[in-house]
mmCIF file of all heavy atoms, coordinates in Angstrom:
data_MODEL
# 
_entry.id   MODEL 
# 
loop_
_atom_site.group_PDB 
_atom_site.id 
_atom_site.type_symbol 
_atom_site.label_atom_id 
_atom_site.label_alt_id 
_atom_site.label_comp_id 
_atom_site.label_asym_id 
_atom_site.label_entity_id 
_atom_site.label_seq_id 
_atom_site.pdbx_PDB_ins_code 
_atom_site.Cartn_x 
_atom_site.Cartn_y 
_atom_site.Cartn_z 
_atom_site.occupancy 
_atom_site.B_iso_or_equiv 
_atom_site.pdbx_formal_charge 
_atom_site.auth_seq_id 
_atom_site.auth_comp_id 
_atom_site.auth_asym_id 
_atom_site.auth_atom_id 
_atom_site.pdbx_PDB_model_num 
ATOM 1   N N   . ALA A 1 1  ? 43.317 64.049 8.490  1.00 0.00 ? 1  ALA A N   1 
ATOM 2   C CA  . ALA A 1 1  ? 42.208 64.773 7.864  1.00 0.00 ? 1  ALA A CA  1 
ATOM 3   C C   . ALA A 1 1  ? 41.582 65.749 8.848  1.00 0.00 ? 1  ALA A C   1 
ATOM 4   O O   . ALA A 1 1  ? 41.279 66.894 8.505  1.00 0.00 ? 1  ALA A O   1 
ATOM 5   C CB  . ALA A 1 1  ? 41.157 63.789 7.349  1.00 0.00 ? 1  ALA A CB  1 
ATOM 6   N N   . VAL A 1 2  ? 41.385 65.306 10.095 1.00 0.00 ? 2  VAL A N   1 
ATOM 7   C CA  . VAL A 1 2  ? 40.818 66.190 11.112 1.00 0.00 ? 2  VAL A CA  1 
ATOM 8   C C   . VAL A 1 2  ? 41.767 67.351 11.396 1.00 0.00 ? 2  VAL A C   1 
ATOM 9   O O   . VAL A 1 2  ? 41.346 68.504 11.488 1.00 0.00 ? 2  VAL A O   1 
ATOM 10  C CB  . VAL A 1 2  ? 40.523 65.407 12.407 1.00 0.00 ? 2  VAL A CB  1 
ATOM 11  C CG1 . VAL A 1 2  ? 40.154 66.368 13.540 1.00 0.00 ? 2  VAL A CG1 1 
ATOM 12  C CG2 . VAL A 1 2  ? 39.385 64.423 12.187 1.00 0.00 ? 2  VAL A CG2 1 
ATOM 13  N N   . LEU A 1 3  ? 43.049 67.062 11.518 1.00 0.00 ? 3  LEU A N   1 
ATOM 14  C CA  . LEU A 1 3  ? 44.015 68.115 11.797 1.00 0.00 ? 3  LEU A CA  1 
ATOM 15  C C   . LEU A 1 3  ? 44.080 69.143 10.673 1.00 0.00 ? 3  LEU A C   1 
ATOM 16  O O   . LEU A 1 3  ? 44.259 70.336 10.918 1.00 0.00 ? 3  LEU A O   1 
ATOM 17  C CB  . LEU A 1 3  ? 45.393 67.510 12.042 1.00 0.00 ? 3  LEU A CB  1 
ATOM 18  C CG  . LEU A 1 3  ? 45.538 66.693 13.338 1.00 0.00 ? 3  LEU A CG  1 
ATOM 19  C CD1 . LEU A 1 3  ? 46.880 65.996 13.381 1.00 0.00 ? 3  LEU A CD1 1 
ATOM 20  C CD2 . LEU A 1 3  ? 45.351 67.577 14.558 1.00 0.00 ? 3  LEU A CD2 1 
ATOM 21  N N   . ARG A 1 4  ? 43.946 68.691 9.438  1.00 0.00 ? 4  ARG A N   1 
ATOM 22  C CA  . ARG A 1 4  ? 43.912 69.646 8.325  1.00 0.00 ? 4  ARG A CA  1 
ATOM 23  C C   . ARG A 1 4  ? 42.738 70.599 8.473  1.00 0.00 ? 4  ARG A C   1 
ATOM 24  O O   . ARG A 1 4  ? 42.866 71.793 8.211  1.00 0.00 ? 4  ARG A O   1 
ATOM 25  C CB  . ARG A 1 4  ? 43.829 68.908 6.986  1.00 0.00 ? 4  ARG A CB  1 
ATOM 26  C CG  . ARG A 1 4  ? 45.142 68.334 6.496  1.00 0.00 ? 4  ARG A CG  1 
ATOM 27  C CD  . ARG A 1 4  ? 45.082 67.964 5.028  1.00 0.00 ? 4  ARG A CD  1 
ATOM 28  N NE  . ARG A 1 4  ? 44.134 66.887 4.771  1.00 0.00 ? 4  ARG A NE  1 
ATOM 29  C CZ  . ARG A 1 4  ? 44.445 65.592 4.794  1.00 0.00 ? 4  ARG A CZ  1 
ATOM 30  N NH1 . ARG A 1 4  ? 45.666 65.214 5.120  1.00 0.00 ? 4  ARG A NH1 1 
ATOM 31  N NH2 . ARG A 1 4  ? 43.542 64.675 4.525  1.00 0.00 ? 4  ARG A NH2 1 
ATOM 32  N N   . ARG A 1 5  ? 41.590 70.057 8.866  1.00 0.00 ? 5  ARG A N   1 
ATOM 33  C CA  . ARG A 1 5  ? 40.413 70.918 9.031  1.00 0.00 ? 5  ARG A CA  1 
ATOM 34  C C   . ARG A 1 5  ? 40.625 71.947 10.128 1.00 0.00 ? 5  ARG A C   1 
ATOM 35  O O   . ARG A 1 5  ? 40.057 73.034 10.072 1.00 0.00 ? 5  ARG A O   1 
ATOM 36  C CB  . ARG A 1 5  ? 39.181 70.071 9.371  1.00 0.00 ? 5  ARG A CB  1 
ATOM 37  C CG  . ARG A 1 5  ? 38.801 69.074 8.321  1.00 0.00 ? 5  ARG A CG  1 
ATOM 38  C CD  . ARG A 1 5  ? 37.341 68.677 8.422  1.00 0.00 ? 5  ARG A CD  1 
ATOM 39  N NE  . ARG A 1 5  ? 36.918 68.243 9.726  1.00 0.00 ? 5  ARG A NE  1 
ATOM 40  C CZ  . ARG A 1 5  ? 36.978 66.980 10.163 1.00 0.00 ? 5  ARG A CZ  1 
ATOM 41  N NH1 . ARG A 1 5  ? 37.517 66.050 9.386  1.00 0.00 ? 5  ARG A NH1 1 
ATOM 42  N NH2 . ARG A 1 5  ? 36.534 66.665 11.354 1.00 0.00 ? 5  ARG A NH2 1 
ATOM 43  N N   . PHE A 1 6  ? 41.424 71.589 11.118 1.00 0.00 ? 6  PHE A N   1 
ATOM 44  C CA  . PHE A 1 6  ? 41.634 72.485 12.247 1.00 0.00 ? 6  PHE A CA  1 
ATOM 45  C C   . PHE A 1 6  ? 42.865 73.372 12.059 1.00 0.00 ? 6  PHE A C   1 
ATOM 46  O O   . PHE A 1 6  ? 43.236 74.118 12.962 1.00 0.00 ? 6  PHE A O   1 
ATOM 47  C CB  . PHE A 1 6  ? 41.771 71.672 13.534 1.00 0.00 ? 6  PHE A CB  1 
ATOM 48  C CG  . PHE A 1 6  ? 40.451 71.225 14.105 1.00 0.00 ? 6  PHE A CG  1 
ATOM 49  C CD1 . PHE A 1 6  ? 39.629 70.356 13.410 1.00 0.00 ? 6  PHE A CD1 1 
ATOM 50  C CD2 . PHE A 1 6  ? 40.031 71.691 15.334 1.00 0.00 ? 6  PHE A CD2 1 
ATOM 51  C CE1 . PHE A 1 6  ? 38.416 69.942 13.934 1.00 0.00 ? 6  PHE A CE1 1 
ATOM 52  C CE2 . PHE A 1 6  ? 38.822 71.292 15.866 1.00 0.00 ? 6  PHE A CE2 1 
ATOM 53  C CZ  . PHE A 1 6  ? 38.003 70.407 15.169 1.00 0.00 ? 6  PHE A CZ  1 
ATOM 54  N N   . GLY A 1 7  ? 43.518 73.239 10.902 1.00 0.00 ? 7  GLY A N   1 
ATOM 55  C CA  . GLY A 1 7  ? 44.647 74.115 10.627 1.00 0.00 ? 7  GLY A CA  1 
ATOM 56  C C   . GLY A 1 7  ? 45.950 73.667 11.235 1.00 0.00 ? 7  GLY A C   1 
ATOM 57  O O   . GLY A 1 7  ? 46.910 74.423 11.278 1.00 0.00 ? 7  GLY A O   1 
ATOM 58  N N   . HIS A 1 8  ? 46.005 72.401 11.747 1.00 0.00 ? 8  HIS A N   1 
ATOM 59  C CA  . HIS A 1 8  ? 47.264 71.881 12.268 1.00 0.00 ? 8  HIS A CA  1 
ATOM 60  C C   . HIS A 1 8  ? 48.106 71.342 11.109 1.00 0.00 ? 8  HIS A C   1 
ATOM 61  O O   . HIS A 1 8  ? 47.663 71.268 9.973  1.00 0.00 ? 8  HIS A O   1 
ATOM 62  C CB  . HIS A 1 8  ? 47.005 70.773 13.292 1.00 0.00 ? 8  HIS A CB  1 
ATOM 63  C CG  . HIS A 1 8  ? 46.399 71.278 14.553 1.00 0.00 ? 8  HIS A CG  1 
ATOM 64  N ND1 . HIS A 1 8  ? 47.100 71.967 15.496 1.00 0.00 ? 8  HIS A ND1 1 
ATOM 65  C CD2 . HIS A 1 8  ? 45.113 71.211 15.020 1.00 0.00 ? 8  HIS A CD2 1 
ATOM 66  C CE1 . HIS A 1 8  ? 46.310 72.289 16.502 1.00 0.00 ? 8  HIS A CE1 1 
ATOM 67  N NE2 . HIS A 1 8  ? 45.106 71.848 16.231 1.00 0.00 ? 8  HIS A NE2 1 
ATOM 68  N N   . ALA A 1 9  ? 49.303 70.925 11.442 1.00 0.00 ? 9  ALA A N   1 
ATOM 69  C CA  . ALA A 1 9  ? 50.243 70.489 10.404 1.00 0.00 ? 9  ALA A CA  1 
ATOM 70  C C   . ALA A 1 9  ? 49.897 69.129 9.818  1.00 0.00 ? 9  ALA A C   1 
ATOM 71  O O   . ALA A 1 9  ? 50.463 68.727 8.827  1.00 0.00 ? 9  ALA A O   1 
ATOM 72  C CB  . ALA A 1 9  ? 51.658 70.435 10.979 1.00 0.00 ? 9  ALA A CB  1 
ATOM 73  N N   . ALA A 1 10 ? 48.984 68.418 10.436 1.00 0.00 ? 10 ALA A N   1 
ATOM 74  C CA  . ALA A 1 10 ? 48.550 67.094 9.963  1.00 0.00 ? 10 ALA A CA  1 
ATOM 75  C C   . ALA A 1 10 ? 49.646 66.054 10.075 1.00 0.00 ? 10 ALA A C   1 
ATOM 76  O O   . ALA A 1 10 ? 49.700 65.113 9.310  1.00 0.00 ? 10 ALA A O   1 
ATOM 77  C CB  . ALA A 1 10 ? 48.042 67.162 8.524  1.00 0.00 ? 10 ALA A CB  1 
ATOM 78  N N   . GLY A 1 11 ? 50.548 66.256 11.039 1.00 0.00 ? 11 GLY A N   1 
ATOM 79  C CA  . GLY A 1 11 ? 51.552 65.232 11.293 1.00 0.00 ? 11 GLY A CA  1 
ATOM 80  C C   . GLY A 1 11 ? 52.831 65.454 10.515 1.00 0.00 ? 11 GLY A C   1 
ATOM 81  O O   . GLY A 1 11 ? 53.042 66.489 9.889  1.00 0.00 ? 11 GLY A O   1 
ATOM 82  N N   . PRO A 1 12 ? 53.706 64.479 10.512 1.00 0.00 ? 12 PRO A N   1 
ATOM 83  C CA  . PRO A 1 12 ? 55.055 64.645 9.968  1.00 0.00 ? 12 PRO A CA  1 
ATOM 84  C C   . PRO A 1 12 ? 55.111 64.818 8.467  1.00 0.00 ? 12 PRO A C   1 
ATOM 85  O O   . PRO A 1 12 ? 56.147 65.177 7.935  1.00 0.00 ? 12 PRO A O   1 
ATOM 86  C CB  . PRO A 1 12 ? 55.762 63.353 10.399 1.00 0.00 ? 12 PRO A CB  1 
ATOM 87  C CG  . PRO A 1 12 ? 54.653 62.373 10.609 1.00 0.00 ? 12 PRO A CG  1 
ATOM 88  C CD  . PRO A 1 12 ? 53.511 63.164 11.130 1.00 0.00 ? 12 PRO A CD  1 
ATOM 89  N N   . ASP A 1 13 ? 54.032 64.582 7.762  1.00 0.00 ? 13 ASP A N   1 
ATOM 90  C CA  . ASP A 1 13 ? 54.060 64.775 6.311  1.00 0.00 ? 13 ASP A CA  1 
ATOM 91  C C   . ASP A 1 13 ? 53.923 66.231 5.909  1.00 0.00 ? 13 ASP A C   1 
ATOM 92  O O   . ASP A 1 13 ? 53.921 66.571 4.738  1.00 0.00 ? 13 ASP A O   1 
ATOM 93  C CB  . ASP A 1 13 ? 52.943 63.961 5.646  1.00 0.00 ? 13 ASP A CB  1 
ATOM 94  C CG  . ASP A 1 13 ? 53.281 62.487 5.600  1.00 0.00 ? 13 ASP A CG  1 
ATOM 95  O OD1 . ASP A 1 13 ? 54.431 62.120 5.889  1.00 0.00 ? 13 ASP A OD1 1 
ATOM 96  O OD2 . ASP A 1 13 ? 52.381 61.710 5.274  1.00 0.00 ? 13 ASP A OD2 1 
ATOM 97  N N   . GLY A 1 14 ? 53.722 67.104 6.933  1.00 0.00 ? 14 GLY A N   1 
ATOM 98  C CA  . GLY A 1 14 ? 53.673 68.524 6.615  1.00 0.00 ? 14 GLY A CA  1 
ATOM 99  C C   . GLY A 1 14 ? 52.258 69.021 6.491  1.00 0.00 ? 14 GLY A C   1 
ATOM 100 O O   . GLY A 1 14 ? 51.302 68.335 6.807  1.00 0.00 ? 14 GLY A O   1 
ATOM 101 N N   . PRO A 1 15 ? 52.070 70.265 6.007  1.00 0.00 ? 15 PRO A N   1 
ATOM 102 C CA  . PRO A 1 15 ? 50.772 70.896 5.977  1.00 0.00 ? 15 PRO A CA  1 
ATOM 103 C C   . PRO A 1 15 ? 49.794 70.181 5.067  1.00 0.00 ? 15 PRO A C   1 
ATOM 104 O O   . PRO A 1 15 ? 50.164 69.521 4.113  1.00 0.00 ? 15 PRO A O   1 
ATOM 105 C CB  . PRO A 1 15 ? 51.083 72.315 5.443  1.00 0.00 ? 15 PRO A CB  1 
ATOM 106 C CG  . PRO A 1 15 ? 52.549 72.500 5.636  1.00 0.00 ? 15 PRO A CG  1 
ATOM 107 C CD  . PRO A 1 15 ? 53.150 71.141 5.536  1.00 0.00 ? 15 PRO A CD  1 
ATOM 108 N N   . GLY A 1 16 ? 48.536 70.361 5.394  1.00 0.00 ? 16 GLY A N   1 
ATOM 109 C CA  . GLY A 1 16 ? 47.466 69.835 4.547  1.00 0.00 ? 16 GLY A CA  1 
ATOM 110 C C   . GLY A 1 16 ? 47.042 70.883 3.549  1.00 0.00 ? 16 GLY A C   1 
ATOM 111 O O   . GLY A 1 16 ? 47.839 71.700 3.100  1.00 0.00 ? 16 GLY A O   1 
ATOM 112 N N   . ARG A 1 17 ? 45.736 70.916 3.247  1.00 0.00 ? 17 ARG A N   1 
ATOM 113 C CA  . ARG A 1 17 ? 45.254 71.801 2.202  1.00 0.00 ? 17 ARG A CA  1 
ATOM 114 C C   . ARG A 1 17 ? 45.235 73.251 2.639  1.00 0.00 ? 17 ARG A C   1 
ATOM 115 O O   . ARG A 1 17 ? 45.104 74.139 1.821  1.00 0.00 ? 17 ARG A O   1 
ATOM 116 C CB  . ARG A 1 17 ? 43.843 71.374 1.793  1.00 0.00 ? 17 ARG A CB  1 
ATOM 117 C CG  . ARG A 1 17 ? 43.763 70.012 1.179  1.00 0.00 ? 17 ARG A CG  1 
ATOM 118 C CD  . ARG A 1 17 ? 42.362 69.709 0.731  1.00 0.00 ? 17 ARG A CD  1 
ATOM 119 N NE  . ARG A 1 17 ? 41.405 69.964 1.796  1.00 0.00 ? 17 ARG A NE  1 
ATOM 120 C CZ  . ARG A 1 17 ? 40.103 69.902 1.630  1.00 0.00 ? 17 ARG A CZ  1 
ATOM 121 N NH1 . ARG A 1 17 ? 39.603 69.654 0.442  1.00 0.00 ? 17 ARG A NH1 1 
ATOM 122 N NH2 . ARG A 1 17 ? 39.278 70.110 2.636  1.00 0.00 ? 17 ARG A NH2 1 
ATOM 123 N N   . GLY A 1 18 ? 45.347 73.509 3.948  1.00 0.00 ? 18 GLY A N   1 
ATOM 124 C CA  . GLY A 1 18 ? 45.275 74.876 4.434  1.00 0.00 ? 18 GLY A CA  1 
ATOM 125 C C   . GLY A 1 18 ? 44.240 74.977 5.517  1.00 0.00 ? 18 GLY A C   1 
ATOM 126 O O   . GLY A 1 18 ? 43.355 74.151 5.636  1.00 0.00 ? 18 GLY A O   1 
ATOM 127 N N   . SER A 1 19 ? 44.378 75.993 6.327  1.00 0.00 ? 19 SER A N   1 
ATOM 128 C CA  . SER A 1 19 ? 43.486 76.148 7.458  1.00 0.00 ? 19 SER A CA  1 
ATOM 129 C C   . SER A 1 19 ? 42.111 76.614 7.009  1.00 0.00 ? 19 SER A C   1 
ATOM 130 O O   . SER A 1 19 ? 41.913 77.085 5.890  1.00 0.00 ? 19 SER A O   1 
ATOM 131 C CB  . SER A 1 19 ? 44.069 77.182 8.426  1.00 0.00 ? 19 SER A CB  1 
ATOM 132 O OG  . SER A 1 19 ? 44.044 78.471 7.844  1.00 0.00 ? 19 SER A OG  1 
ATOM 133 N N   . ALA A 1 20 ? 41.170 76.498 7.927  1.00 0.00 ? 20 ALA A N   1 
ATOM 134 C CA  . ALA A 1 20 ? 39.817 76.976 7.629  1.00 0.00 ? 20 ALA A CA  1 
ATOM 135 C C   . ALA A 1 20 ? 39.844 78.465 7.336  1.00 0.00 ? 20 ALA A C   1 
ATOM 136 O O   . ALA A 1 20 ? 39.098 78.963 6.499  1.00 0.00 ? 20 ALA A O   1 
ATOM 137 C CB  . ALA A 1 20 ? 38.897 76.671 8.815  1.00 0.00 ? 20 ALA A CB  1 
ATOM 138 N N   . GLU A 1 21 ? 40.720 79.198 8.062  1.00 0.00 ? 21 GLU A N   1 
ATOM 139 C CA  . GLU A 1 21 ? 40.796 80.633 7.829  1.00 0.00 ? 21 GLU A CA  1 
ATOM 140 C C   . GLU A 1 21 ? 41.262 80.932 6.408  1.00 0.00 ? 21 GLU A C   1 
ATOM 141 O O   . GLU A 1 21 ? 40.742 81.832 5.739  1.00 0.00 ? 21 GLU A O   1 
ATOM 142 C CB  . GLU A 1 21 ? 41.770 81.263 8.837  1.00 0.00 ? 21 GLU A CB  1 
ATOM 143 C CG  . GLU A 1 21 ? 41.254 81.279 10.262 1.00 0.00 ? 21 GLU A CG  1 
ATOM 144 C CD  . GLU A 1 21 ? 41.550 79.998 11.012 1.00 0.00 ? 21 GLU A CD  1 
ATOM 145 O OE1 . GLU A 1 21 ? 41.955 79.010 10.350 1.00 0.00 ? 21 GLU A OE1 1 
ATOM 146 O OE2 . GLU A 1 21 ? 41.361 79.972 12.236 1.00 0.00 ? 21 GLU A OE2 1 
ATOM 147 N N   . GLU A 1 22 ? 42.238 80.159 5.929  1.00 0.00 ? 22 GLU A N   1 
ATOM 148 C CA  . GLU A 1 22 ? 42.747 80.391 4.575  1.00 0.00 ? 22 GLU A CA  1 
ATOM 149 C C   . GLU A 1 22 ? 41.686 80.091 3.537  1.00 0.00 ? 22 GLU A C   1 
ATOM 150 O O   . GLU A 1 22 ? 41.509 80.819 2.562  1.00 0.00 ? 22 GLU A O   1 
ATOM 151 C CB  . GLU A 1 22 ? 43.978 79.520 4.343  1.00 0.00 ? 22 GLU A CB  1 
ATOM 152 C CG  . GLU A 1 22 ? 45.183 79.974 5.166  1.00 0.00 ? 22 GLU A CG  1 
ATOM 153 C CD  . GLU A 1 22 ? 46.309 78.965 5.112  1.00 0.00 ? 22 GLU A CD  1 
ATOM 154 O OE1 . GLU A 1 22 ? 46.024 77.788 4.792  1.00 0.00 ? 22 GLU A OE1 1 
ATOM 155 O OE2 . GLU A 1 22 ? 47.451 79.341 5.393  1.00 0.00 ? 22 GLU A OE2 1 
ATOM 156 N N   . GLU A 1 23 ? 40.969 78.969 3.727  1.00 0.00 ? 23 GLU A N   1 
ATOM 157 C CA  . GLU A 1 23 ? 39.935 78.604 2.771  1.00 0.00 ? 23 GLU A CA  1 
ATOM 158 C C   . GLU A 1 23 ? 38.779 79.594 2.810  1.00 0.00 ? 23 GLU A C   1 
ATOM 159 O O   . GLU A 1 23 ? 38.159 79.893 1.800  1.00 0.00 ? 23 GLU A O   1 
ATOM 160 C CB  . GLU A 1 23 ? 39.437 77.187 3.066  1.00 0.00 ? 23 GLU A CB  1 
ATOM 161 C CG  . GLU A 1 23 ? 40.507 76.150 2.807  1.00 0.00 ? 23 GLU A CG  1 
ATOM 162 C CD  . GLU A 1 23 ? 40.020 74.749 3.098  1.00 0.00 ? 23 GLU A CD  1 
ATOM 163 O OE1 . GLU A 1 23 ? 38.809 74.580 3.332  1.00 0.00 ? 23 GLU A OE1 1 
ATOM 164 O OE2 . GLU A 1 23 ? 40.843 73.827 3.080  1.00 0.00 ? 23 GLU A OE2 1 
ATOM 165 N N   . ALA A 1 24 ? 38.487 80.127 4.008  1.00 0.00 ? 24 ALA A N   1 
ATOM 166 C CA  . ALA A 1 24 ? 37.386 81.075 4.134  1.00 0.00 ? 24 ALA A CA  1 
ATOM 167 C C   . ALA A 1 24 ? 37.709 82.398 3.461  1.00 0.00 ? 24 ALA A C   1 
ATOM 168 O O   . ALA A 1 24 ? 36.817 83.169 3.122  1.00 0.00 ? 24 ALA A O   1 
ATOM 169 C CB  . ALA A 1 24 ? 37.069 81.315 5.612  1.00 0.00 ? 24 ALA A CB  1 
ATOM 170 N N   . GLY A 1 25 ? 39.001 82.671 3.265  1.00 0.00 ? 25 GLY A N   1 
ATOM 171 C CA  . GLY A 1 25 ? 39.379 83.924 2.647  1.00 0.00 ? 25 GLY A CA  1 
ATOM 172 C C   . GLY A 1 25 ? 38.776 84.113 1.275  1.00 0.00 ? 25 GLY A C   1 
ATOM 173 O O   . GLY A 1 25 ? 38.581 85.240 0.811  1.00 0.00 ? 25 GLY A O   1 
# 
């Protein structure tokens, strides 16, 4: 969950909801 907020891949399951930059768009 923290990694998703920071725009990291969130581990081996792949990307999370998207980076803060993407959501801020």
